Amino acid sequence: MAKKNYFESEDFKRLYPFESRSVKIGGLDYHYVDEGEGAPMVMIHGNPTWSFYFRNLIRGFSGRFRCVAPDHIGCGLSEKPGEDRYDFRLKSRVDDLEACLDKLDITRDITLVLHDWGGMIGSAFAVRHPERIKRLVILNTAAFFLPGTKKLPLRLQISRNLDFFAEPAILRFNLFALAALYMASRKGLSKEVKKGLVAPYDSPENRLAVLRFVQDIPIIPTDPSYPTVRTTQENLFVLKDKPMLICWGMRDFVFDADFLAEWRKRFPEAQVHRFPCAGHYILEDEPEKVLACMERFLE
C-alpha cells in the first residue's frame, strides 16, 4: 500500500494500537481487529470509514468483551481487488461477514454495533441468524429502504447515478471520503483523525469500494441489491425481542430524523438517545457520551 509508512507511524499506532489480523475469504484477505475476551461485540462499519472508526469503542470495551471489527473487502486494511475478483454487492458483504464470524467461531451472544452501510450488512446477517444475536446498538444507519417518500440527498444521487462525474470525482480525486471529513462530523476532526480515516483510500485503485458502495444503494426493484434489502426489511421482526440501543446524531445529512422514526416504529421498545450536536460520525463527535450510553445498556 502506498502509504505503508503512515501505518507504521507512531501517530497511527497511538490512535489504532491494535494487532492486524486477517482471514482468507473467497481468496481475498479480509482484515479485522480482534481485541479482548468474553462475549463478542462485533462492529460493522460503513462507507467511507473502516474499523478505525470504532477505535474508541474497542479501547473502551475490550476489557470485558471480545471486540471484533472487520474491514469490508476493498476497505480499510482488507485486500482491494478489482472487479474481476469481487462484485462489490451487498449480498457479498453479508456473506463475507458470515464467513468471517464462522471462521472465528463467533456463533452466539453477539452484540452487534452498526453504523452507516454496516446497519444494512449487519442486519441482513442478523435476520439470517437471529439465534446468534443477543443485542444491537444502532448508530445512524438503516436496515430498510428509504422511509416513506424520502429521496436520496442530491449529492448521493449524483454520485450514484452519474458515472461521468462519480468515477473521476471519487476514484481520481477521492472527493467522497474527503468531503465526509467535513460533512459527517459536526464538531470537527483533528488532523490525525482525518488522516487515519482516509489513509486506506490513497489511490484510485484503492477507492473502488467507496464508489461501488454508493452505486449499490438500492432504490428500484431492478437494482442488484434490492432483493437483499427487501428480504432484510421484511424479516426485521425476528429481532423484535432483542434488546436494542439507538444512539443518533441529529445533525446527520443523510440518516436524519426520518430514519430514526422508522427505527422507533419498528422497534418501539428500543432505548433511544439523541445527540443534538452530533452528525453522521457520531463516534467522532460524541465518543464519551455514546460509550457511557452503551455502558448503561450493557449492564
C-alpha atoms as a PDB file:
ATOM      1  CA  MET A   1       0.000   0.000   0.000  1.00  0.00           C
ATOM      2  CA  ALA A   2       1.359   3.400  -0.981  1.00  0.00           C
ATOM      3  CA  LYS A   3       1.009   4.826   2.496  1.00  0.00           C
ATOM      4  CA  LYS A   4       2.642   1.941   4.300  1.00  0.00           C
ATOM      5  CA  ASN A   5       4.871   4.313   6.219  1.00  0.00           C
ATOM      6  CA  TYR A   6       1.844   6.047   7.713  1.00  0.00           C
ATOM      7  CA  PHE A   7       0.508   2.755   9.082  1.00  0.00           C
ATOM      8  CA  GLU A   8       3.874   2.206  10.739  1.00  0.00           C
ATOM      9  CA  SER A   9       3.964   5.707  12.221  1.00  0.00           C
ATOM     10  CA  GLU A  10       3.656   6.495  15.911  1.00  0.00           C
ATOM     11  CA  ASP A  11       0.642   8.735  15.213  1.00  0.00           C
ATOM     12  CA  PHE A  12      -1.258   5.848  13.684  1.00  0.00           C
ATOM     13  CA  LYS A  13      -0.220   3.325  16.329  1.00  0.00           C
ATOM     14  CA  ARG A  14      -1.326   5.717  19.059  1.00  0.00           C
ATOM     15  CA  LEU A  15      -4.803   6.060  17.541  1.00  0.00           C
ATOM     16  CA  TYR A  16      -5.135   2.454  16.390  1.00  0.00           C
ATOM     17  CA  PRO A  17      -2.968   0.319  18.705  1.00  0.00           C
ATOM     18  CA  PHE A  18      -4.456  -2.976  17.617  1.00  0.00           C
ATOM     19  CA  GLU A  19      -2.952  -6.081  16.108  1.00  0.00           C
ATOM     20  CA  SER A  20      -3.895  -6.543  12.462  1.00  0.00           C
ATOM     21  CA  ARG A  21      -5.386  -9.922  11.655  1.00  0.00           C
ATOM     22  CA  SER A  22      -6.909 -11.380   8.513  1.00  0.00           C
ATOM     23  CA  VAL A  23      -8.634 -14.436   7.152  1.00  0.00           C
ATOM     24  CA  LYS A  24      -8.962 -15.612   3.575  1.00  0.00           C
ATOM     25  CA  ILE A  25     -12.487 -15.278   2.216  1.00  0.00           C
ATOM     26  CA  GLY A  26     -13.013 -16.096  -1.417  1.00  0.00           C
ATOM     27  CA  GLY A  27      -9.262 -15.975  -1.881  1.00  0.00           C
ATOM     28  CA  LEU A  28      -9.074 -12.389  -0.564  1.00  0.00           C
ATOM     29  CA  ASP A  29      -7.530 -11.039   2.638  1.00  0.00           C
ATOM     30  CA  TYR A  30     -10.329  -9.926   4.949  1.00  0.00           C
ATOM     31  CA  HIS A  31      -8.835  -7.752   7.694  1.00  0.00           C
ATOM     32  CA  TYR A  32     -10.235  -7.477  11.193  1.00  0.00           C
ATOM     33  CA  VAL A  33      -9.425  -6.344  14.711  1.00  0.00           C
ATOM     34  CA  ASP A  34      -9.942  -8.898  17.488  1.00  0.00           C
ATOM     35  CA  GLU A  35      -9.220  -7.464  20.935  1.00  0.00           C
ATOM     36  CA  GLY A  36     -10.158  -8.695  24.387  1.00  0.00           C
ATOM     37  CA  GLU A  37     -12.015 -11.716  25.707  1.00  0.00           C
ATOM     38  CA  GLY A  38     -15.576 -12.517  26.666  1.00  0.00           C
ATOM     39  CA  ALA A  39     -18.869 -12.263  24.846  1.00  0.00           C
ATOM     40  CA  PRO A  40     -18.395 -10.972  21.288  1.00  0.00           C
ATOM     41  CA  MET A  41     -19.080  -7.373  20.328  1.00  0.00           C
ATOM     42  CA  VAL A  42     -18.999  -7.134  16.535  1.00  0.00           C
ATOM     43  CA  MET A  43     -18.707  -3.665  14.997  1.00  0.00           C
ATOM     44  CA  ILE A  44     -19.658  -3.208  11.341  1.00  0.00           C
ATOM     45  CA  HIS A  45     -18.523  -0.052   9.565  1.00  0.00           C
ATOM     46  CA  GLY A  46     -19.958   1.796   6.592  1.00  0.00           C
ATOM     47  CA  ASN A  47     -18.693   3.901   3.711  1.00  0.00           C
ATOM     48  CA  PRO A  48     -16.150   5.530   3.543  1.00  0.00           C
ATOM     49  CA  THR A  49     -14.961   4.523   7.005  1.00  0.00           C
ATOM     50  CA  TRP A  50     -13.273   1.349   8.259  1.00  0.00           C
ATOM     51  CA  SER A  51     -12.522  -0.348  11.579  1.00  0.00           C
ATOM     52  CA  PHE A  52     -10.543   2.757  12.587  1.00  0.00           C
ATOM     53  CA  TYR A  53     -13.922   4.426  13.191  1.00  0.00           C
ATOM     54  CA  PHE A  54     -14.580   2.084  16.137  1.00  0.00           C
ATOM     55  CA  ARG A  55     -11.194   2.582  17.822  1.00  0.00           C
ATOM     56  CA  ASN A  56     -12.639   4.302  20.920  1.00  0.00           C
ATOM     57  CA  LEU A  57     -15.257   1.591  21.443  1.00  0.00           C
ATOM     58  CA  ILE A  58     -12.627  -1.120  21.047  1.00  0.00           C
ATOM     59  CA  ARG A  59     -10.490   0.551  23.699  1.00  0.00           C
ATOM     60  CA  GLY A  60     -13.481   1.077  25.964  1.00  0.00           C
ATOM     61  CA  PHE A  61     -14.935  -2.416  25.842  1.00  0.00           C
ATOM     62  CA  SER A  62     -12.081  -4.830  25.112  1.00  0.00           C
ATOM     63  CA  GLY A  63     -11.522  -5.248  28.849  1.00  0.00           C
ATOM     64  CA  ARG A  64     -14.858  -7.079  29.115  1.00  0.00           C
ATOM     65  CA  PHE A  65     -15.821  -8.096  25.590  1.00  0.00           C
ATOM     66  CA  ARG A  66     -14.199  -9.735  22.618  1.00  0.00           C
ATOM     67  CA  CYS A  67     -14.277  -6.735  20.296  1.00  0.00           C
ATOM     68  CA  VAL A  68     -14.221  -7.710  16.617  1.00  0.00           C
ATOM     69  CA  ALA A  69     -14.230  -5.051  13.905  1.00  0.00           C
ATOM     70  CA  PRO A  70     -13.792  -6.234  10.310  1.00  0.00           C
ATOM     71  CA  ASP A  71     -12.951  -4.176   7.237  1.00  0.00           C
ATOM     72  CA  HIS A  72     -15.124  -4.919   4.223  1.00  0.00           C
ATOM     73  CA  ILE A  73     -13.294  -6.086   1.104  1.00  0.00           C
ATOM     74  CA  GLY A  74     -11.859  -3.038  -0.634  1.00  0.00           C
ATOM     75  CA  CYS A  75     -11.976  -1.029   2.589  1.00  0.00           C
ATOM     76  CA  GLY A  76      -9.570  -0.282   5.415  1.00  0.00           C
ATOM     77  CA  LEU A  77      -6.732  -2.780   5.598  1.00  0.00           C
ATOM     78  CA  SER A  78      -8.557  -5.541   3.717  1.00  0.00           C
ATOM     79  CA  GLU A  79      -7.466  -6.512   0.227  1.00  0.00           C
ATOM     80  CA  LYS A  80      -8.514  -4.154  -2.552  1.00  0.00           C
ATOM     81  CA  PRO A  81      -9.296  -6.293  -5.576  1.00  0.00           C
ATOM     82  CA  GLY A  82     -10.539  -5.266  -8.987  1.00  0.00           C
ATOM     83  CA  GLU A  83     -13.959  -6.186 -10.281  1.00  0.00           C
ATOM     84  CA  ASP A  84     -12.546  -9.270 -11.924  1.00  0.00           C
ATOM     85  CA  ARG A  85     -12.173 -10.769  -8.434  1.00  0.00           C
ATOM     86  CA  TYR A  86     -15.070  -9.278  -6.437  1.00  0.00           C
ATOM     87  CA  ASP A  87     -18.561  -7.989  -7.252  1.00  0.00           C
ATOM     88  CA  PHE A  88     -18.885  -5.294  -4.527  1.00  0.00           C
ATOM     89  CA  ARG A  89     -22.568  -6.106  -3.885  1.00  0.00           C
ATOM     90  CA  LEU A  90     -24.471  -6.120  -0.614  1.00  0.00           C
ATOM     91  CA  LYS A  91     -25.063  -9.868  -0.611  1.00  0.00           C
ATOM     92  CA  SER A  92     -21.331 -10.481  -0.916  1.00  0.00           C
ATOM     93  CA  ARG A  93     -20.726  -8.148   2.032  1.00  0.00           C
ATOM     94  CA  VAL A  94     -23.151 -10.149   4.168  1.00  0.00           C
ATOM     95  CA  ASP A  95     -21.655 -13.451   3.004  1.00  0.00           C
ATOM     96  CA  ASP A  96     -18.167 -12.158   3.881  1.00  0.00           C
ATOM     97  CA  LEU A  97     -19.243 -11.163   7.382  1.00  0.00           C
ATOM     98  CA  GLU A  98     -20.882 -14.542   7.931  1.00  0.00           C
ATOM     99  CA  ALA A  99     -17.801 -16.382   6.691  1.00  0.00           C
ATOM    100  CA  CYS A 100     -15.510 -14.316   8.918  1.00  0.00           C
ATOM    101  CA  LEU A 101     -17.589 -14.920  12.049  1.00  0.00           C
ATOM    102  CA  ASP A 102     -17.820 -18.623  11.230  1.00  0.00           C
ATOM    103  CA  LYS A 103     -14.042 -18.835  10.893  1.00  0.00           C
ATOM    104  CA  LEU A 104     -13.639 -17.027  14.220  1.00  0.00           C
ATOM    105  CA  ASP A 105     -16.206 -19.337  15.858  1.00  0.00           C
ATOM    106  CA  ILE A 106     -18.396 -16.390  16.830  1.00  0.00           C
ATOM    107  CA  THR A 107     -21.766 -18.093  16.812  1.00  0.00           C
ATOM    108  CA  ARG A 108     -23.699 -16.862  19.872  1.00  0.00           C
ATOM    109  CA  ASP A 109     -24.364 -13.960  22.246  1.00  0.00           C
ATOM    110  CA  ILE A 110     -23.254 -11.340  19.695  1.00  0.00           C
ATOM    111  CA  THR A 111     -23.665  -7.659  20.436  1.00  0.00           C
ATOM    112  CA  LEU A 112     -23.882  -6.022  17.001  1.00  0.00           C
ATOM    113  CA  VAL A 113     -22.767  -2.399  16.688  1.00  0.00           C
ATOM    114  CA  LEU A 114     -23.893  -0.985  13.349  1.00  0.00           C
ATOM    115  CA  HIS A 115     -23.137   2.254  11.520  1.00  0.00           C
ATOM    116  CA  ASP A 116     -23.987   3.520   8.019  1.00  0.00           C
ATOM    117  CA  TRP A 117     -23.809   0.650   5.462  1.00  0.00           C
ATOM    118  CA  GLY A 118     -22.894  -1.564   8.401  1.00  0.00           C
ATOM    119  CA  GLY A 119     -26.525  -1.348   9.508  1.00  0.00           C
ATOM    120  CA  MET A 120     -27.734  -2.985   6.331  1.00  0.00           C
ATOM    121  CA  ILE A 121     -24.930  -5.552   6.234  1.00  0.00           C
ATOM    122  CA  GLY A 122     -25.167  -6.430   9.917  1.00  0.00           C
ATOM    123  CA  SER A 123     -28.971  -6.536   9.966  1.00  0.00           C
ATOM    124  CA  ALA A 124     -29.040  -8.797   6.914  1.00  0.00           C
ATOM    125  CA  PHE A 125     -26.723 -11.151   8.793  1.00  0.00           C
ATOM    126  CA  ALA A 126     -28.857 -10.857  11.930  1.00  0.00           C
ATOM    127  CA  VAL A 127     -32.119 -11.808  10.227  1.00  0.00           C
ATOM    128  CA  ARG A 128     -30.338 -14.807   8.703  1.00  0.00           C
ATOM    129  CA  HIS A 129     -29.129 -15.879  12.156  1.00  0.00           C
ATOM    130  CA  PRO A 130     -31.251 -14.302  14.906  1.00  0.00           C
ATOM    131  CA  GLU A 131     -30.207 -17.097  17.254  1.00  0.00           C
ATOM    132  CA  ARG A 132     -26.657 -15.730  17.237  1.00  0.00           C
ATOM    133  CA  ILE A 133     -27.658 -12.189  18.224  1.00  0.00           C
ATOM    134  CA  LYS A 134     -28.007 -11.081  21.845  1.00  0.00           C
ATOM    135  CA  ARG A 135     -28.477  -7.318  21.373  1.00  0.00           C
ATOM    136  CA  LEU A 136     -27.978  -4.489  18.879  1.00  0.00           C
ATOM    137  CA  VAL A 137     -26.513  -0.994  19.028  1.00  0.00           C
ATOM    138  CA  ILE A 138     -27.704   1.240  16.178  1.00  0.00           C
ATOM    139  CA  LEU A 139     -25.691   4.320  15.158  1.00  0.00           C
ATOM    140  CA  ASN A 140     -27.079   6.471  12.321  1.00  0.00           C
ATOM    141  CA  THR A 141     -27.867   3.738   9.857  1.00  0.00           C
ATOM    142  CA  ALA A 142     -30.720   1.869   8.173  1.00  0.00           C
ATOM    143  CA  ALA A 143     -31.821  -1.711   7.631  1.00  0.00           C
ATOM    144  CA  PHE A 144     -34.685  -0.829   5.297  1.00  0.00           C
ATOM    145  CA  PHE A 145     -35.456   1.179   2.186  1.00  0.00           C
ATOM    146  CA  LEU A 146     -35.714   4.965   2.275  1.00  0.00           C
ATOM    147  CA  PRO A 147     -38.581   5.801   4.667  1.00  0.00           C
ATOM    148  CA  GLY A 148     -41.851   6.899   3.118  1.00  0.00           C
ATOM    149  CA  THR A 149     -41.468   9.143   0.099  1.00  0.00           C
ATOM    150  CA  LYS A 150     -37.966  10.197   1.071  1.00  0.00           C
ATOM    151  CA  LYS A 151     -35.346  10.573  -1.657  1.00  0.00           C
ATOM    152  CA  LEU A 152     -31.594  10.343  -1.574  1.00  0.00           C
ATOM    153  CA  PRO A 153     -29.820  13.639  -0.953  1.00  0.00           C
ATOM    154  CA  LEU A 154     -28.829  15.239  -4.243  1.00  0.00           C
ATOM    155  CA  ARG A 155     -25.099  14.719  -3.664  1.00  0.00           C
ATOM    156  CA  LEU A 156     -25.685  10.970  -3.262  1.00  0.00           C
ATOM    157  CA  GLN A 157     -27.952  10.849  -6.304  1.00  0.00           C
ATOM    158  CA  ILE A 158     -25.202  12.438  -8.388  1.00  0.00           C
ATOM    159  CA  SER A 159     -22.535  10.065  -7.064  1.00  0.00           C
ATOM    160  CA  ARG A 160     -24.809   7.060  -7.541  1.00  0.00           C
ATOM    161  CA  ASN A 161     -26.237   7.806 -10.965  1.00  0.00           C
ATOM    162  CA  LEU A 162     -23.805   9.938 -12.968  1.00  0.00           C
ATOM    163  CA  ASP A 163     -20.790   7.809 -13.857  1.00  0.00           C
ATOM    164  CA  PHE A 164     -19.157  10.582 -15.865  1.00  0.00           C
ATOM    165  CA  PHE A 165     -18.992  12.624 -12.654  1.00  0.00           C
ATOM    166  CA  ALA A 166     -18.717   9.964  -9.961  1.00  0.00           C
ATOM    167  CA  GLU A 167     -15.837   7.937 -11.345  1.00  0.00           C
ATOM    168  CA  PRO A 168     -13.337  10.799 -11.676  1.00  0.00           C
ATOM    169  CA  ALA A 169     -14.612  12.553  -8.534  1.00  0.00           C
ATOM    170  CA  ILE A 170     -14.442   9.505  -6.273  1.00  0.00           C
ATOM    171  CA  LEU A 171     -11.697   7.439  -7.872  1.00  0.00           C
ATOM    172  CA  ARG A 172      -9.323  10.139  -9.046  1.00  0.00           C
ATOM    173  CA  PHE A 173      -9.899  12.941  -6.558  1.00  0.00           C
ATOM    174  CA  ASN A 174     -11.240  10.994  -3.539  1.00  0.00           C
ATOM    175  CA  LEU A 175     -13.986  13.587  -3.075  1.00  0.00           C
ATOM    176  CA  PHE A 176     -16.414  11.255  -1.326  1.00  0.00           C
ATOM    177  CA  ALA A 177     -14.059  10.327   1.509  1.00  0.00           C
ATOM    178  CA  LEU A 178     -12.557  13.809   1.773  1.00  0.00           C
ATOM    179  CA  ALA A 179     -15.947  15.530   1.824  1.00  0.00           C
ATOM    180  CA  ALA A 180     -17.097  13.196   4.604  1.00  0.00           C
ATOM    181  CA  LEU A 181     -14.321  14.515   6.840  1.00  0.00           C
ATOM    182  CA  TYR A 182     -16.076  17.880   6.882  1.00  0.00           C
ATOM    183  CA  MET A 183     -19.728  16.982   6.327  1.00  0.00           C
ATOM    184  CA  ALA A 184     -20.104  13.889   8.525  1.00  0.00           C
ATOM    185  CA  SER A 185     -18.640  15.423  11.692  1.00  0.00           C
ATOM    186  CA  ARG A 186     -20.275  18.494  13.214  1.00  0.00           C
ATOM    187  CA  LYS A 187     -17.648  19.138  15.868  1.00  0.00           C
ATOM    188  CA  GLY A 188     -14.627  18.848  13.621  1.00  0.00           C
ATOM    189  CA  LEU A 189     -11.895  16.243  13.394  1.00  0.00           C
ATOM    190  CA  SER A 190      -8.244  16.546  14.295  1.00  0.00           C
ATOM    191  CA  LYS A 191      -5.650  16.307  11.534  1.00  0.00           C
ATOM    192  CA  GLU A 192      -4.547  12.940  12.876  1.00  0.00           C
ATOM    193  CA  VAL A 193      -8.060  11.502  12.822  1.00  0.00           C
ATOM    194  CA  LYS A 194      -8.714  12.852   9.331  1.00  0.00           C
ATOM    195  CA  LYS A 195      -5.536  11.203   8.130  1.00  0.00           C
ATOM    196  CA  GLY A 196      -6.478   7.906   9.753  1.00  0.00           C
ATOM    197  CA  LEU A 197      -9.969   7.824   8.281  1.00  0.00           C
ATOM    198  CA  VAL A 198      -8.815   8.338   4.680  1.00  0.00           C
ATOM    199  CA  ALA A 199      -5.382   6.644   4.777  1.00  0.00           C
ATOM    200  CA  PRO A 200      -6.541   3.347   3.199  1.00  0.00           C
ATOM    201  CA  TYR A 201      -8.031   5.230   0.244  1.00  0.00           C
ATOM    202  CA  ASP A 202      -4.800   6.699  -1.057  1.00  0.00           C
ATOM    203  CA  SER A 203      -5.024   5.852  -4.770  1.00  0.00           C
ATOM    204  CA  PRO A 204      -7.732   5.399  -7.421  1.00  0.00           C
ATOM    205  CA  GLU A 205      -7.480   1.613  -7.306  1.00  0.00           C
ATOM    206  CA  ASN A 206      -7.884   1.698  -3.520  1.00  0.00           C
ATOM    207  CA  ARG A 207     -11.112   3.743  -3.794  1.00  0.00           C
ATOM    208  CA  LEU A 208     -13.136   1.359  -5.911  1.00  0.00           C
ATOM    209  CA  ALA A 209     -15.153   0.047  -2.954  1.00  0.00           C
ATOM    210  CA  VAL A 210     -16.031   3.618  -1.927  1.00  0.00           C
ATOM    211  CA  LEU A 211     -17.536   4.229  -5.369  1.00  0.00           C
ATOM    212  CA  ARG A 212     -19.286   0.876  -5.598  1.00  0.00           C
ATOM    213  CA  PHE A 213     -20.885   1.248  -2.169  1.00  0.00           C
ATOM    214  CA  VAL A 214     -22.555   4.456  -3.350  1.00  0.00           C
ATOM    215  CA  GLN A 215     -23.612   2.919  -6.648  1.00  0.00           C
ATOM    216  CA  ASP A 216     -25.008  -0.142  -4.867  1.00  0.00           C
ATOM    217  CA  ILE A 217     -27.627   1.839  -2.915  1.00  0.00           C
ATOM    218  CA  PRO A 218     -30.867   0.086  -3.974  1.00  0.00           C
ATOM    219  CA  ILE A 219     -33.777   2.320  -4.934  1.00  0.00           C
ATOM    220  CA  ILE A 220     -35.833   0.431  -7.520  1.00  0.00           C
ATOM    221  CA  PRO A 221     -36.594  -3.300  -7.873  1.00  0.00           C
ATOM    222  CA  THR A 222     -34.176  -3.751 -10.768  1.00  0.00           C
ATOM    223  CA  ASP A 223     -31.202  -2.619  -8.674  1.00  0.00           C
ATOM    224  CA  PRO A 224     -28.956  -5.641  -7.949  1.00  0.00           C
ATOM    225  CA  SER A 225     -29.097  -5.323  -4.147  1.00  0.00           C
ATOM    226  CA  TYR A 226     -32.812  -4.561  -3.941  1.00  0.00           C
ATOM    227  CA  PRO A 227     -33.797  -8.174  -3.118  1.00  0.00           C
ATOM    228  CA  THR A 228     -31.325  -8.340  -0.234  1.00  0.00           C
ATOM    229  CA  VAL A 229     -32.699  -5.155   1.325  1.00  0.00           C
ATOM    230  CA  ARG A 230     -36.288  -6.285   0.768  1.00  0.00           C
ATOM    231  CA  THR A 231     -35.647  -9.622   2.466  1.00  0.00           C
ATOM    232  CA  THR A 232     -33.932  -7.907   5.388  1.00  0.00           C
ATOM    233  CA  GLN A 233     -36.637  -5.271   5.789  1.00  0.00           C
ATOM    234  CA  GLU A 234     -39.408  -7.855   5.666  1.00  0.00           C
ATOM    235  CA  ASN A 235     -37.723 -10.004   8.304  1.00  0.00           C
ATOM    236  CA  LEU A 236     -36.573  -7.413  10.827  1.00  0.00           C
ATOM    237  CA  PHE A 237     -39.427  -8.577  13.032  1.00  0.00           C
ATOM    238  CA  VAL A 238     -37.350 -11.637  14.005  1.00  0.00           C
ATOM    239  CA  LEU A 239     -35.176  -9.229  16.029  1.00  0.00           C
ATOM    240  CA  LYS A 240     -38.067  -7.599  17.909  1.00  0.00           C
ATOM    241  CA  ASP A 241     -37.228  -9.360  21.178  1.00  0.00           C
ATOM    242  CA  LYS A 242     -33.546  -8.407  21.090  1.00  0.00           C
ATOM    243  CA  PRO A 243     -32.555  -5.503  23.356  1.00  0.00           C
ATOM    244  CA  MET A 244     -31.688  -2.514  21.185  1.00  0.00           C
ATOM    245  CA  LEU A 245     -29.916   0.759  21.878  1.00  0.00           C
ATOM    246  CA  ILE A 246     -30.200   3.583  19.348  1.00  0.00           C
ATOM    247  CA  CYS A 247     -27.694   6.439  19.584  1.00  0.00           C
ATOM    248  CA  TRP A 248     -28.441   9.046  16.953  1.00  0.00           C
ATOM    249  CA  GLY A 249     -26.592  12.109  15.767  1.00  0.00           C
ATOM    250  CA  MET A 250     -29.391  14.528  14.957  1.00  0.00           C
ATOM    251  CA  ARG A 251     -27.333  16.598  12.515  1.00  0.00           C
ATOM    252  CA  ASP A 252     -26.759  13.778  10.050  1.00  0.00           C
ATOM    253  CA  PHE A 253     -27.349  14.998   6.494  1.00  0.00           C
ATOM    254  CA  VAL A 254     -28.316  11.509   5.234  1.00  0.00           C
ATOM    255  CA  PHE A 255     -29.598   9.410   8.132  1.00  0.00           C
ATOM    256  CA  ASP A 256     -31.826  12.095   9.588  1.00  0.00           C
ATOM    257  CA  ALA A 257     -34.814  12.099  11.956  1.00  0.00           C
ATOM    258  CA  ASP A 258     -36.973  10.236   9.411  1.00  0.00           C
ATOM    259  CA  PHE A 259     -34.672   7.220   9.615  1.00  0.00           C
ATOM    260  CA  LEU A 260     -34.709   7.397  13.398  1.00  0.00           C
ATOM    261  CA  ALA A 261     -38.513   7.466  13.333  1.00  0.00           C
ATOM    262  CA  GLU A 262     -38.522   4.355  11.153  1.00  0.00           C
ATOM    263  CA  TRP A 263     -36.322   2.503  13.653  1.00  0.00           C
ATOM    264  CA  ARG A 264     -38.591   3.572  16.504  1.00  0.00           C
ATOM    265  CA  LYS A 265     -41.691   2.435  14.613  1.00  0.00           C
ATOM    266  CA  ARG A 266     -40.182  -0.978  14.006  1.00  0.00           C
ATOM    267  CA  PHE A 267     -38.620  -1.335  17.464  1.00  0.00           C
ATOM    268  CA  PRO A 268     -40.766   0.667  19.908  1.00  0.00           C
ATOM    269  CA  GLU A 269     -39.067  -0.932  22.926  1.00  0.00           C
ATOM    270  CA  ALA A 270     -35.605   0.262  21.910  1.00  0.00           C
ATOM    271  CA  GLN A 271     -33.696   2.654  24.148  1.00  0.00           C
ATOM    272  CA  VAL A 272     -33.143   5.881  22.230  1.00  0.00           C
ATOM    273  CA  HIS A 273     -30.572   8.590  22.901  1.00  0.00           C
ATOM    274  CA  ARG A 274     -30.472  11.643  20.648  1.00  0.00           C
ATOM    275  CA  PHE A 275     -27.331  13.741  20.312  1.00  0.00           C
ATOM    276  CA  PRO A 276     -28.380  17.171  19.033  1.00  0.00           C
ATOM    277  CA  CYS A 277     -24.851  18.370  18.247  1.00  0.00           C
ATOM    278  CA  ALA A 278     -23.583  15.197  16.570  1.00  0.00           C
ATOM    279  CA  GLY A 279     -23.518  14.435  12.869  1.00  0.00           C
ATOM    280  CA  HIS A 280     -23.186  11.213  10.909  1.00  0.00           C
ATOM    281  CA  TYR A 281     -19.832  10.397  12.502  1.00  0.00           C
ATOM    282  CA  ILE A 282     -21.425  10.198  15.924  1.00  0.00           C
ATOM    283  CA  LEU A 283     -18.495   8.236  17.358  1.00  0.00           C
ATOM    284  CA  GLU A 284     -16.179  11.087  16.391  1.00  0.00           C
ATOM    285  CA  ASP A 285     -18.465  13.847  17.674  1.00  0.00           C
ATOM    286  CA  GLU A 286     -19.610  12.233  20.948  1.00  0.00           C
ATOM    287  CA  PRO A 287     -17.402   9.215  21.714  1.00  0.00           C
ATOM    288  CA  GLU A 288     -17.521   9.505  25.507  1.00  0.00           C
ATOM    289  CA  LYS A 289     -21.285  10.033  25.646  1.00  0.00           C
ATOM    290  CA  VAL A 290     -22.039   7.130  23.320  1.00  0.00           C
ATOM    291  CA  LEU A 291     -19.684   4.909  25.286  1.00  0.00           C
ATOM    292  CA  ALA A 292     -21.463   5.889  28.513  1.00  0.00           C
ATOM    293  CA  CYS A 293     -24.854   5.078  26.985  1.00  0.00           C
ATOM    294  CA  MET A 294     -23.553   1.720  25.862  1.00  0.00           C
ATOM    295  CA  GLU A 295     -22.116   1.032  29.325  1.00  0.00           C
ATOM    296  CA  ARG A 296     -25.541   1.532  30.905  1.00  0.00           C
ATOM    297  CA  PHE A 297     -27.255  -0.504  28.183  1.00  0.00           C
ATOM    298  CA  LEU A 298     -24.827  -3.412  28.510  1.00  0.00           C
ATOM    299  CA  GLU A 299     -25.276  -3.524  32.265  1.00  0.00           C
END
